[in-house]
């Protein structure tokens, strides 16, 4: 890996001979400056100077036995005041004399929230003209942001490329999964 272009917003990195545009990810509506994320779903740790992979999450023990991954999850460690709502599980690290918060986030959510923020990209099926009005109504926007899900178009939860992700209602997602027999 080598960094060869760094500006305020995006970084271009050469990983495995490919130039990949990356930027700091949005995690729970806040920029996280310890990682970089690409459109193709790669996550780079600035602290460890390497690519990091998400941990597989399974819906149940049966799914784990079958090897059916539900999604990939990553863990953030930040100072306890990082999120204003105080969310996360607090853990104290005595070696640094600071209180840190640990919080898990799905890898596909990092990619979508970073490269296609909800505010500027309405969920599938919502007309842009209507979205421009609705997105500025806090109660409606908050409700929508909590009820939509990110769907993997090819049904591969390890393929977190931006082109393979879309925001849909949980109703539409369930109907699609049932139609495909998943």
N, C-alpha and C. Protein backbone atom coordinates (compact mmCIF):
# COMPACT_ATOMS: atom_id res chain seq x y z
N UNK A 1 0.84 -1.17 0.00
CA UNK A 1 0.00 0.00 0.00
C UNK A 1 0.88 1.22 0.00
N UNK A 2 0.46 2.22 -0.77
CA UNK A 2 1.13 3.52 -0.69
C UNK A 2 0.10 4.62 -0.90
N UNK A 3 0.23 5.65 -0.11
CA UNK A 3 -0.60 6.83 -0.30
C UNK A 3 0.11 7.71 -1.30
N UNK A 4 -0.58 8.14 -2.35
CA UNK A 4 0.12 9.02 -3.25
C UNK A 4 -0.62 10.30 -3.53
N UNK A 5 -1.82 10.47 -3.00
CA UNK A 5 -2.53 11.73 -3.15
C UNK A 5 -3.42 11.91 -1.93
N UNK A 6 -3.19 13.00 -1.23
CA UNK A 6 -3.95 13.25 -0.02
C UNK A 6 -4.49 14.66 -0.09
N UNK A 7 -5.82 14.81 -0.01
CA UNK A 7 -6.40 16.14 0.08
C UNK A 7 -7.30 16.16 1.31
N UNK A 8 -8.10 17.20 1.47
CA UNK A 8 -8.91 17.33 2.69
C UNK A 8 -10.00 16.28 2.81
N UNK A 9 -10.57 15.84 1.69
CA UNK A 9 -11.71 14.94 1.76
C UNK A 9 -11.38 13.49 1.42
N UNK A 10 -10.67 13.28 0.35
CA UNK A 10 -10.44 11.92 -0.15
C UNK A 10 -8.95 11.62 -0.25
N UNK A 11 -8.66 10.35 -0.18
CA UNK A 11 -7.30 9.86 -0.32
C UNK A 11 -7.31 8.81 -1.41
N UNK A 12 -6.31 8.84 -2.28
CA UNK A 12 -6.18 7.78 -3.28
C UNK A 12 -5.05 6.89 -2.81
N UNK A 13 -5.35 5.60 -2.70
CA UNK A 13 -4.36 4.64 -2.24
C UNK A 13 -4.12 3.60 -3.32
N UNK A 14 -2.91 3.11 -3.38
CA UNK A 14 -2.60 2.04 -4.29
C UNK A 14 -2.55 0.75 -3.48
N UNK A 15 -3.59 -0.08 -3.66
CA UNK A 15 -3.68 -1.35 -2.95
C UNK A 15 -3.70 -2.46 -3.98
N UNK A 16 -2.74 -3.36 -3.87
CA UNK A 16 -2.63 -4.49 -4.81
C UNK A 16 -2.58 -4.01 -6.26
N UNK A 17 -1.87 -2.91 -6.51
CA UNK A 17 -1.70 -2.40 -7.86
C UNK A 17 -2.88 -1.61 -8.42
N UNK A 18 -3.89 -1.35 -7.60
CA UNK A 18 -5.06 -0.59 -8.05
C UNK A 18 -5.16 0.70 -7.26
N UNK A 19 -5.44 1.79 -7.97
CA UNK A 19 -5.67 3.07 -7.31
C UNK A 19 -7.11 3.10 -6.81
N UNK A 20 -7.27 3.27 -5.52
CA UNK A 20 -8.59 3.22 -4.90
C UNK A 20 -8.83 4.51 -4.13
N UNK A 21 -9.94 5.19 -4.46
CA UNK A 21 -10.31 6.40 -3.74
C UNK A 21 -10.92 6.01 -2.40
N UNK A 22 -10.46 6.66 -1.35
CA UNK A 22 -10.95 6.35 -0.01
C UNK A 22 -11.19 7.65 0.74
N UNK A 23 -12.06 7.58 1.74
CA UNK A 23 -12.25 8.73 2.61
C UNK A 23 -12.66 8.26 3.99
N UNK A 24 -12.59 9.18 4.95
CA UNK A 24 -12.98 8.84 6.31
C UNK A 24 -14.44 8.46 6.33
N UNK A 25 -14.78 7.36 7.00
CA UNK A 25 -16.16 6.88 7.00
C UNK A 25 -17.06 7.66 7.94
N UNK A 26 -18.34 7.65 7.61
CA UNK A 26 -19.37 8.15 8.50
C UNK A 26 -19.87 6.96 9.30
N UNK A 27 -19.80 7.05 10.61
CA UNK A 27 -20.24 5.97 11.50
C UNK A 27 -21.24 6.55 12.49
N UNK A 28 -22.48 6.14 12.37
CA UNK A 28 -23.55 6.66 13.23
C UNK A 28 -23.60 8.19 13.16
N UNK A 29 -23.60 8.71 11.93
CA UNK A 29 -23.73 10.14 11.64
C UNK A 29 -22.55 10.99 12.09
N UNK A 30 -21.40 10.39 12.29
CA UNK A 30 -20.22 11.16 12.67
C UNK A 30 -19.00 10.59 11.95
N UNK A 31 -18.12 11.49 11.49
CA UNK A 31 -16.93 11.05 10.79
C UNK A 31 -15.95 10.40 11.76
N UNK A 32 -15.44 9.23 11.36
CA UNK A 32 -14.50 8.47 12.16
C UNK A 32 -13.13 8.59 11.51
N UNK A 33 -12.18 9.23 12.18
CA UNK A 33 -10.90 9.56 11.53
C UNK A 33 -9.81 8.51 11.69
N UNK A 34 -10.15 7.33 12.24
CA UNK A 34 -9.16 6.27 12.40
C UNK A 34 -9.13 5.28 11.24
N UNK A 35 -10.11 5.37 10.36
CA UNK A 35 -10.20 4.48 9.21
C UNK A 35 -10.38 5.28 7.93
N UNK A 36 -10.16 4.58 6.81
CA UNK A 36 -10.55 5.06 5.49
C UNK A 36 -11.40 3.96 4.87
N UNK A 37 -12.39 4.33 4.05
CA UNK A 37 -13.25 3.34 3.42
C UNK A 37 -13.37 3.67 1.93
N UNK A 38 -13.43 2.62 1.11
CA UNK A 38 -13.55 2.79 -0.34
C UNK A 38 -14.97 2.45 -0.79
N UNK A 39 -15.27 2.79 -2.03
CA UNK A 39 -16.55 2.42 -2.62
C UNK A 39 -16.68 0.91 -2.77
N UNK A 40 -15.56 0.24 -2.91
CA UNK A 40 -15.60 -1.21 -3.10
C UNK A 40 -15.66 -1.97 -1.78
N UNK A 41 -15.80 -1.25 -0.66
CA UNK A 41 -16.01 -1.90 0.62
C UNK A 41 -14.74 -2.20 1.40
N UNK A 42 -13.59 -1.74 0.92
CA UNK A 42 -12.35 -1.96 1.66
C UNK A 42 -12.25 -0.94 2.79
N UNK A 43 -11.77 -1.40 3.95
CA UNK A 43 -11.60 -0.52 5.10
C UNK A 43 -10.13 -0.57 5.52
N UNK A 44 -9.51 0.60 5.61
CA UNK A 44 -8.11 0.72 5.95
C UNK A 44 -7.98 1.34 7.34
N UNK A 45 -7.22 0.70 8.21
CA UNK A 45 -6.95 1.24 9.54
C UNK A 45 -5.73 2.15 9.46
N UNK A 46 -5.91 3.41 9.82
CA UNK A 46 -4.79 4.34 9.83
C UNK A 46 -3.86 4.05 11.01
N UNK A 47 -4.42 3.55 12.09
CA UNK A 47 -3.62 3.24 13.28
C UNK A 47 -2.69 2.06 13.01
N UNK A 48 -3.21 1.01 12.36
CA UNK A 48 -2.43 -0.20 12.12
C UNK A 48 -1.81 -0.25 10.72
N UNK A 49 -2.15 0.72 9.89
CA UNK A 49 -1.59 0.84 8.53
C UNK A 49 -1.79 -0.45 7.72
N UNK A 50 -3.05 -0.93 7.71
CA UNK A 50 -3.36 -2.15 6.96
C UNK A 50 -4.87 -2.23 6.71
N UNK A 51 -5.23 -3.09 5.75
CA UNK A 51 -6.64 -3.37 5.52
C UNK A 51 -7.18 -4.17 6.69
N UNK A 52 -8.42 -3.87 7.07
CA UNK A 52 -9.06 -4.65 8.12
C UNK A 52 -10.33 -5.27 7.55
N UNK A 53 -10.67 -6.41 8.09
CA UNK A 53 -11.84 -7.13 7.60
C UNK A 53 -12.91 -7.16 8.68
N UNK A 54 -14.14 -7.18 8.21
CA UNK A 54 -15.26 -7.27 9.14
C UNK A 54 -15.39 -8.67 9.69
N UNK A 55 -16.00 -8.77 10.85
CA UNK A 55 -16.26 -10.06 11.47
C UNK A 55 -17.61 -10.58 10.99
N UNK A 56 -17.68 -11.85 10.62
CA UNK A 56 -18.96 -12.38 10.15
C UNK A 56 -19.99 -12.46 11.28
N UNK A 57 -21.21 -12.08 10.97
CA UNK A 57 -22.32 -12.15 11.90
C UNK A 57 -23.32 -13.15 11.33
N UNK A 58 -23.85 -14.00 12.18
CA UNK A 58 -24.81 -15.02 11.78
C UNK A 58 -26.14 -14.74 12.48
N UNK A 59 -27.24 -15.03 11.81
CA UNK A 59 -28.57 -14.83 12.40
C UNK A 59 -28.84 -15.80 13.54
N UNK A 60 -28.32 -17.02 13.46
CA UNK A 60 -28.58 -18.03 14.48
C UNK A 60 -27.48 -19.07 14.46
N UNK A 61 -27.53 -19.98 15.44
CA UNK A 61 -26.56 -21.07 15.50
C UNK A 61 -26.67 -22.00 14.30
N UNK A 62 -27.90 -22.21 13.82
CA UNK A 62 -28.10 -23.05 12.63
C UNK A 62 -27.42 -22.42 11.42
N UNK A 63 -27.58 -21.10 11.28
CA UNK A 63 -26.97 -20.40 10.15
C UNK A 63 -25.45 -20.45 10.25
N UNK A 64 -24.94 -20.35 11.48
CA UNK A 64 -23.48 -20.44 11.68
C UNK A 64 -22.99 -21.81 11.23
N UNK A 65 -23.71 -22.86 11.60
CA UNK A 65 -23.32 -24.23 11.23
C UNK A 65 -23.32 -24.41 9.72
N UNK A 66 -24.26 -23.75 9.04
CA UNK A 66 -24.34 -23.84 7.58
C UNK A 66 -23.33 -22.91 6.90
N UNK A 67 -22.76 -21.96 7.66
CA UNK A 67 -21.83 -21.00 7.07
C UNK A 67 -22.54 -19.83 6.41
N UNK A 68 -23.83 -19.62 6.73
CA UNK A 68 -24.60 -18.53 6.13
C UNK A 68 -24.39 -17.24 6.91
N UNK A 69 -23.57 -16.37 6.36
CA UNK A 69 -23.26 -15.10 7.00
C UNK A 69 -24.40 -14.12 6.77
N UNK A 70 -24.78 -13.39 7.81
CA UNK A 70 -25.82 -12.38 7.71
C UNK A 70 -25.23 -11.05 7.23
N UNK A 71 -24.08 -10.67 7.78
CA UNK A 71 -23.38 -9.44 7.38
C UNK A 71 -21.99 -9.45 7.99
N UNK A 72 -21.21 -8.44 7.66
CA UNK A 72 -19.89 -8.26 8.27
C UNK A 72 -19.98 -7.06 9.21
N UNK A 73 -19.41 -7.20 10.39
CA UNK A 73 -19.48 -6.16 11.41
C UNK A 73 -18.07 -5.73 11.79
N UNK A 74 -17.94 -4.46 12.16
CA UNK A 74 -16.65 -3.91 12.60
C UNK A 74 -16.86 -3.24 13.94
N UNK A 75 -15.81 -3.11 14.73
CA UNK A 75 -15.91 -2.50 16.06
C UNK A 75 -15.11 -1.21 16.09
N UNK A 76 -15.77 -0.16 16.55
CA UNK A 76 -15.15 1.15 16.71
C UNK A 76 -14.75 1.34 18.17
N UNK A 77 -13.61 1.93 18.42
CA UNK A 77 -13.21 2.33 19.76
C UNK A 77 -12.94 3.83 19.72
N UNK A 78 -13.72 4.57 20.49
CA UNK A 78 -13.60 6.03 20.49
C UNK A 78 -13.69 6.55 21.92
N UNK A 79 -13.27 7.80 22.13
CA UNK A 79 -13.42 8.41 23.45
C UNK A 79 -14.88 8.45 23.83
N UNK A 80 -15.19 8.37 25.10
CA UNK A 80 -16.57 8.24 25.57
C UNK A 80 -17.46 9.40 25.16
N UNK A 81 -16.92 10.56 24.87
CA UNK A 81 -17.75 11.70 24.46
C UNK A 81 -17.86 11.84 22.93
N UNK A 82 -17.45 10.81 22.18
CA UNK A 82 -17.47 10.89 20.72
C UNK A 82 -18.88 11.09 20.18
N UNK A 83 -19.84 10.32 20.70
CA UNK A 83 -21.23 10.48 20.29
C UNK A 83 -21.96 11.24 21.36
N UNK A 84 -22.67 12.28 20.96
CA UNK A 84 -23.36 13.14 21.91
C UNK A 84 -24.43 12.40 22.70
N UNK A 85 -25.01 11.35 22.11
CA UNK A 85 -26.07 10.63 22.81
C UNK A 85 -25.51 9.65 23.86
N UNK A 86 -24.18 9.57 23.96
CA UNK A 86 -23.57 8.70 24.96
C UNK A 86 -23.68 7.22 24.68
N UNK A 87 -24.01 6.84 23.44
CA UNK A 87 -24.21 5.43 23.12
C UNK A 87 -22.88 4.69 23.06
N UNK A 88 -22.98 3.39 23.14
CA UNK A 88 -21.82 2.52 23.12
C UNK A 88 -21.62 1.90 24.49
N UNK A 89 -20.81 0.87 24.56
CA UNK A 89 -20.54 0.25 25.85
C UNK A 89 -19.22 0.79 26.38
N UNK A 90 -19.25 1.33 27.56
CA UNK A 90 -18.05 1.97 28.12
C UNK A 90 -17.05 0.93 28.62
N UNK A 91 -15.81 1.18 28.32
CA UNK A 91 -14.72 0.35 28.81
C UNK A 91 -13.57 1.28 29.17
N UNK A 92 -12.96 1.05 30.31
CA UNK A 92 -11.83 1.88 30.71
C UNK A 92 -10.53 1.16 30.39
N UNK A 93 -9.63 1.90 29.79
CA UNK A 93 -8.31 1.37 29.49
C UNK A 93 -7.33 2.12 30.38
N UNK A 94 -6.82 1.45 31.42
CA UNK A 94 -5.98 2.11 32.41
C UNK A 94 -4.65 2.58 31.84
N UNK A 95 -4.18 1.94 30.79
CA UNK A 95 -2.89 2.34 30.24
C UNK A 95 -2.94 3.73 29.62
N UNK A 96 -4.12 4.17 29.21
CA UNK A 96 -4.23 5.49 28.61
C UNK A 96 -4.93 6.49 29.52
N UNK A 97 -5.48 6.01 30.64
CA UNK A 97 -6.22 6.86 31.57
C UNK A 97 -7.35 7.62 30.91
N UNK A 98 -7.98 7.00 29.94
CA UNK A 98 -9.14 7.59 29.27
C UNK A 98 -10.26 6.57 29.28
N UNK A 99 -11.47 7.09 29.21
CA UNK A 99 -12.61 6.19 29.10
C UNK A 99 -13.01 6.10 27.63
N UNK A 100 -13.08 4.87 27.12
CA UNK A 100 -13.41 4.64 25.73
C UNK A 100 -14.76 3.97 25.60
N UNK A 101 -15.35 4.11 24.42
CA UNK A 101 -16.62 3.48 24.10
C UNK A 101 -16.38 2.53 22.96
N UNK A 102 -16.99 1.37 23.06
CA UNK A 102 -16.90 0.34 22.01
C UNK A 102 -18.28 0.24 21.37
N UNK A 103 -18.33 0.24 20.04
CA UNK A 103 -19.61 0.16 19.33
C UNK A 103 -19.42 -0.60 18.03
N UNK A 104 -20.32 -1.54 17.75
CA UNK A 104 -20.26 -2.31 16.51
C UNK A 104 -21.06 -1.61 15.42
N UNK A 105 -20.58 -1.73 14.19
CA UNK A 105 -21.27 -1.16 13.04
C UNK A 105 -21.12 -2.14 11.87
N UNK A 106 -22.16 -2.25 11.08
CA UNK A 106 -22.12 -3.15 9.93
C UNK A 106 -21.31 -2.50 8.81
N UNK A 107 -20.51 -3.32 8.15
CA UNK A 107 -19.61 -2.82 7.12
C UNK A 107 -20.39 -2.19 5.96
N UNK A 108 -21.53 -2.78 5.56
CA UNK A 108 -22.29 -2.20 4.46
C UNK A 108 -22.87 -0.84 4.85
N UNK A 109 -23.16 -0.64 6.12
CA UNK A 109 -23.66 0.67 6.58
C UNK A 109 -22.57 1.73 6.48
N UNK A 110 -21.34 1.34 6.81
CA UNK A 110 -20.22 2.29 6.69
C UNK A 110 -20.09 2.75 5.24
N UNK A 111 -20.12 1.81 4.31
CA UNK A 111 -19.95 2.15 2.88
C UNK A 111 -21.09 3.06 2.42
N UNK A 112 -22.33 2.68 2.70
CA UNK A 112 -23.48 3.48 2.26
C UNK A 112 -23.49 4.88 2.88
N UNK A 113 -23.30 4.95 4.20
CA UNK A 113 -23.37 6.25 4.87
C UNK A 113 -22.22 7.17 4.48
N UNK A 114 -21.11 6.59 4.06
CA UNK A 114 -19.97 7.40 3.64
C UNK A 114 -20.11 7.88 2.20
N UNK A 115 -20.47 6.99 1.30
CA UNK A 115 -20.46 7.32 -0.13
C UNK A 115 -21.82 7.73 -0.68
N UNK A 116 -22.91 7.33 -0.03
CA UNK A 116 -24.26 7.71 -0.46
C UNK A 116 -25.08 8.07 0.77
N UNK A 117 -24.80 9.23 1.38
CA UNK A 117 -25.53 9.59 2.60
C UNK A 117 -27.03 9.66 2.33
N UNK A 118 -27.81 9.20 3.29
CA UNK A 118 -29.26 9.15 3.14
C UNK A 118 -29.85 10.50 2.78
N UNK A 119 -29.37 11.56 3.39
CA UNK A 119 -29.94 12.90 3.17
C UNK A 119 -29.96 13.25 1.68
N UNK A 120 -28.92 12.87 0.95
CA UNK A 120 -28.82 13.20 -0.48
C UNK A 120 -29.21 12.05 -1.40
N UNK A 121 -29.58 10.91 -0.85
CA UNK A 121 -29.90 9.72 -1.64
C UNK A 121 -31.12 9.03 -1.06
N UNK A 122 -32.30 9.32 -1.58
CA UNK A 122 -33.52 8.73 -1.02
C UNK A 122 -33.54 7.22 -1.19
N UNK A 123 -34.26 6.55 -0.29
CA UNK A 123 -34.41 5.10 -0.44
C UNK A 123 -35.08 4.75 -1.77
N UNK A 124 -34.82 3.54 -2.23
CA UNK A 124 -35.40 3.10 -3.49
C UNK A 124 -36.93 3.24 -3.44
N UNK A 125 -37.50 3.77 -4.52
CA UNK A 125 -38.95 3.93 -4.61
C UNK A 125 -39.45 5.30 -4.17
N UNK A 126 -38.59 6.14 -3.61
CA UNK A 126 -39.00 7.47 -3.18
C UNK A 126 -38.59 8.48 -4.25
N UNK A 127 -39.55 9.27 -4.70
CA UNK A 127 -39.32 10.27 -5.75
C UNK A 127 -38.51 11.42 -5.17
N UNK A 128 -37.52 11.90 -5.93
CA UNK A 128 -36.62 12.95 -5.46
C UNK A 128 -37.37 14.21 -5.02
N UNK A 129 -38.35 14.64 -5.77
CA UNK A 129 -39.09 15.86 -5.43
C UNK A 129 -39.78 15.72 -4.07
N UNK A 130 -40.30 14.55 -3.77
CA UNK A 130 -40.92 14.31 -2.47
C UNK A 130 -39.85 14.23 -1.38
N UNK A 131 -38.72 13.60 -1.70
CA UNK A 131 -37.64 13.44 -0.74
C UNK A 131 -37.08 14.80 -0.30
N UNK A 132 -36.97 15.75 -1.24
CA UNK A 132 -36.46 17.08 -0.90
C UNK A 132 -37.31 17.75 0.18
N UNK A 133 -38.60 17.48 0.18
CA UNK A 133 -39.49 18.05 1.19
C UNK A 133 -39.39 17.27 2.51
N UNK A 134 -39.48 15.96 2.43
CA UNK A 134 -39.54 15.09 3.61
C UNK A 134 -38.24 15.10 4.39
N UNK A 135 -37.10 15.14 3.72
CA UNK A 135 -35.82 14.99 4.41
C UNK A 135 -35.54 16.13 5.38
N UNK A 136 -36.21 17.25 5.22
CA UNK A 136 -36.00 18.38 6.12
C UNK A 136 -37.01 18.43 7.26
N UNK A 137 -37.83 17.41 7.39
CA UNK A 137 -38.75 17.29 8.52
C UNK A 137 -38.12 16.30 9.50
N UNK A 138 -37.54 16.78 10.59
CA UNK A 138 -36.75 15.90 11.47
C UNK A 138 -37.46 14.63 11.93
N UNK A 139 -38.71 14.73 12.33
CA UNK A 139 -39.37 13.52 12.84
C UNK A 139 -39.57 12.49 11.73
N UNK A 140 -39.92 12.95 10.54
CA UNK A 140 -40.12 12.03 9.41
C UNK A 140 -38.78 11.44 8.97
N UNK A 141 -37.77 12.29 8.84
CA UNK A 141 -36.44 11.83 8.42
C UNK A 141 -35.89 10.80 9.41
N UNK A 142 -36.00 11.08 10.69
CA UNK A 142 -35.50 10.14 11.71
C UNK A 142 -36.24 8.81 11.64
N UNK A 143 -37.55 8.87 11.43
CA UNK A 143 -38.33 7.63 11.31
C UNK A 143 -37.87 6.83 10.09
N UNK A 144 -37.72 7.50 8.98
CA UNK A 144 -37.28 6.80 7.75
C UNK A 144 -35.89 6.22 7.94
N UNK A 145 -34.98 7.00 8.52
CA UNK A 145 -33.61 6.51 8.69
C UNK A 145 -33.55 5.28 9.60
N UNK A 146 -34.50 5.15 10.52
CA UNK A 146 -34.52 4.00 11.42
C UNK A 146 -35.26 2.79 10.85
N UNK A 147 -36.08 3.01 9.83
CA UNK A 147 -36.89 1.90 9.31
C UNK A 147 -36.40 1.34 7.98
N UNK A 148 -35.47 2.00 7.33
CA UNK A 148 -34.95 1.44 6.08
C UNK A 148 -33.78 0.51 6.37
N UNK A 149 -33.53 -0.38 5.45
CA UNK A 149 -32.43 -1.33 5.58
C UNK A 149 -31.57 -1.25 4.33
N UNK A 150 -30.37 -1.76 4.45
CA UNK A 150 -29.47 -1.80 3.29
C UNK A 150 -29.50 -3.23 2.75
N UNK A 151 -29.84 -3.33 1.48
CA UNK A 151 -29.98 -4.62 0.81
C UNK A 151 -28.76 -4.89 -0.05
N UNK A 152 -28.27 -6.12 -0.01
CA UNK A 152 -27.21 -6.56 -0.92
C UNK A 152 -27.91 -7.10 -2.16
N UNK A 153 -27.77 -6.43 -3.27
CA UNK A 153 -28.50 -6.77 -4.50
C UNK A 153 -28.22 -8.20 -4.93
N UNK A 154 -26.96 -8.64 -4.82
CA UNK A 154 -26.62 -10.01 -5.24
C UNK A 154 -26.79 -11.04 -4.13
N UNK A 155 -27.35 -10.63 -3.00
CA UNK A 155 -27.59 -11.50 -1.84
C UNK A 155 -26.31 -12.06 -1.21
N UNK A 156 -25.17 -11.45 -1.51
CA UNK A 156 -23.91 -11.87 -0.90
C UNK A 156 -23.53 -10.83 0.17
N UNK A 157 -23.71 -11.15 1.45
CA UNK A 157 -23.46 -10.18 2.50
C UNK A 157 -21.99 -9.80 2.68
N UNK A 158 -21.10 -10.51 1.99
CA UNK A 158 -19.69 -10.14 2.06
C UNK A 158 -19.30 -9.20 0.91
N UNK A 159 -20.19 -8.98 -0.05
CA UNK A 159 -19.94 -8.07 -1.17
C UNK A 159 -20.48 -6.70 -0.80
N UNK A 160 -19.62 -5.87 -0.22
CA UNK A 160 -20.04 -4.55 0.25
C UNK A 160 -19.63 -3.44 -0.71
N UNK A 161 -19.56 -3.75 -1.99
CA UNK A 161 -19.28 -2.74 -3.01
C UNK A 161 -20.50 -1.82 -3.11
N UNK A 162 -20.26 -0.53 -3.23
CA UNK A 162 -21.35 0.46 -3.28
C UNK A 162 -22.38 0.12 -4.36
N UNK A 163 -21.93 -0.39 -5.50
CA UNK A 163 -22.85 -0.73 -6.59
C UNK A 163 -23.75 -1.92 -6.26
N UNK A 164 -23.41 -2.66 -5.21
CA UNK A 164 -24.20 -3.83 -4.81
C UNK A 164 -25.14 -3.52 -3.65
N UNK A 165 -25.17 -2.28 -3.21
CA UNK A 165 -25.97 -1.91 -2.05
C UNK A 165 -27.07 -0.93 -2.43
N UNK A 166 -28.22 -1.06 -1.76
CA UNK A 166 -29.33 -0.13 -1.97
C UNK A 166 -30.14 -0.04 -0.69
N UNK A 167 -30.73 1.13 -0.49
CA UNK A 167 -31.61 1.32 0.67
C UNK A 167 -33.04 1.02 0.26
N UNK A 168 -33.68 0.16 1.04
CA UNK A 168 -35.07 -0.21 0.80
C UNK A 168 -35.80 -0.28 2.13
N UNK A 169 -37.12 -0.32 2.07
CA UNK A 169 -37.87 -0.52 3.30
C UNK A 169 -37.69 -1.96 3.74
N UNK A 170 -37.86 -2.22 5.01
CA UNK A 170 -37.72 -3.60 5.49
C UNK A 170 -38.79 -4.49 4.85
N UNK A 171 -39.96 -3.91 4.55
CA UNK A 171 -41.03 -4.65 3.88
C UNK A 171 -40.55 -5.12 2.51
N UNK A 172 -40.00 -4.20 1.70
CA UNK A 172 -39.51 -4.56 0.37
C UNK A 172 -38.37 -5.57 0.46
N UNK A 173 -37.50 -5.41 1.46
CA UNK A 173 -36.38 -6.33 1.62
C UNK A 173 -36.88 -7.74 1.93
N UNK A 174 -37.84 -7.87 2.82
CA UNK A 174 -38.40 -9.18 3.16
C UNK A 174 -39.09 -9.83 1.96
N UNK A 175 -39.85 -9.04 1.20
CA UNK A 175 -40.51 -9.57 0.02
C UNK A 175 -39.51 -10.05 -1.02
N UNK A 176 -38.44 -9.31 -1.21
CA UNK A 176 -37.39 -9.71 -2.16
C UNK A 176 -36.73 -11.00 -1.69
N UNK A 177 -36.43 -11.10 -0.41
CA UNK A 177 -35.79 -12.30 0.13
C UNK A 177 -36.71 -13.51 -0.01
N UNK A 178 -37.99 -13.33 0.27
CA UNK A 178 -38.93 -14.45 0.13
C UNK A 178 -39.04 -14.90 -1.32
N UNK A 179 -39.11 -13.94 -2.24
CA UNK A 179 -39.23 -14.27 -3.66
C UNK A 179 -38.02 -15.05 -4.14
N UNK A 180 -36.85 -14.78 -3.56
CA UNK A 180 -35.63 -15.48 -3.94
C UNK A 180 -35.41 -16.76 -3.14
N UNK A 181 -36.29 -17.00 -2.18
CA UNK A 181 -36.18 -18.21 -1.36
C UNK A 181 -35.08 -18.17 -0.33
N UNK A 182 -34.76 -16.97 0.14
CA UNK A 182 -33.67 -16.81 1.11
C UNK A 182 -34.23 -16.77 2.51
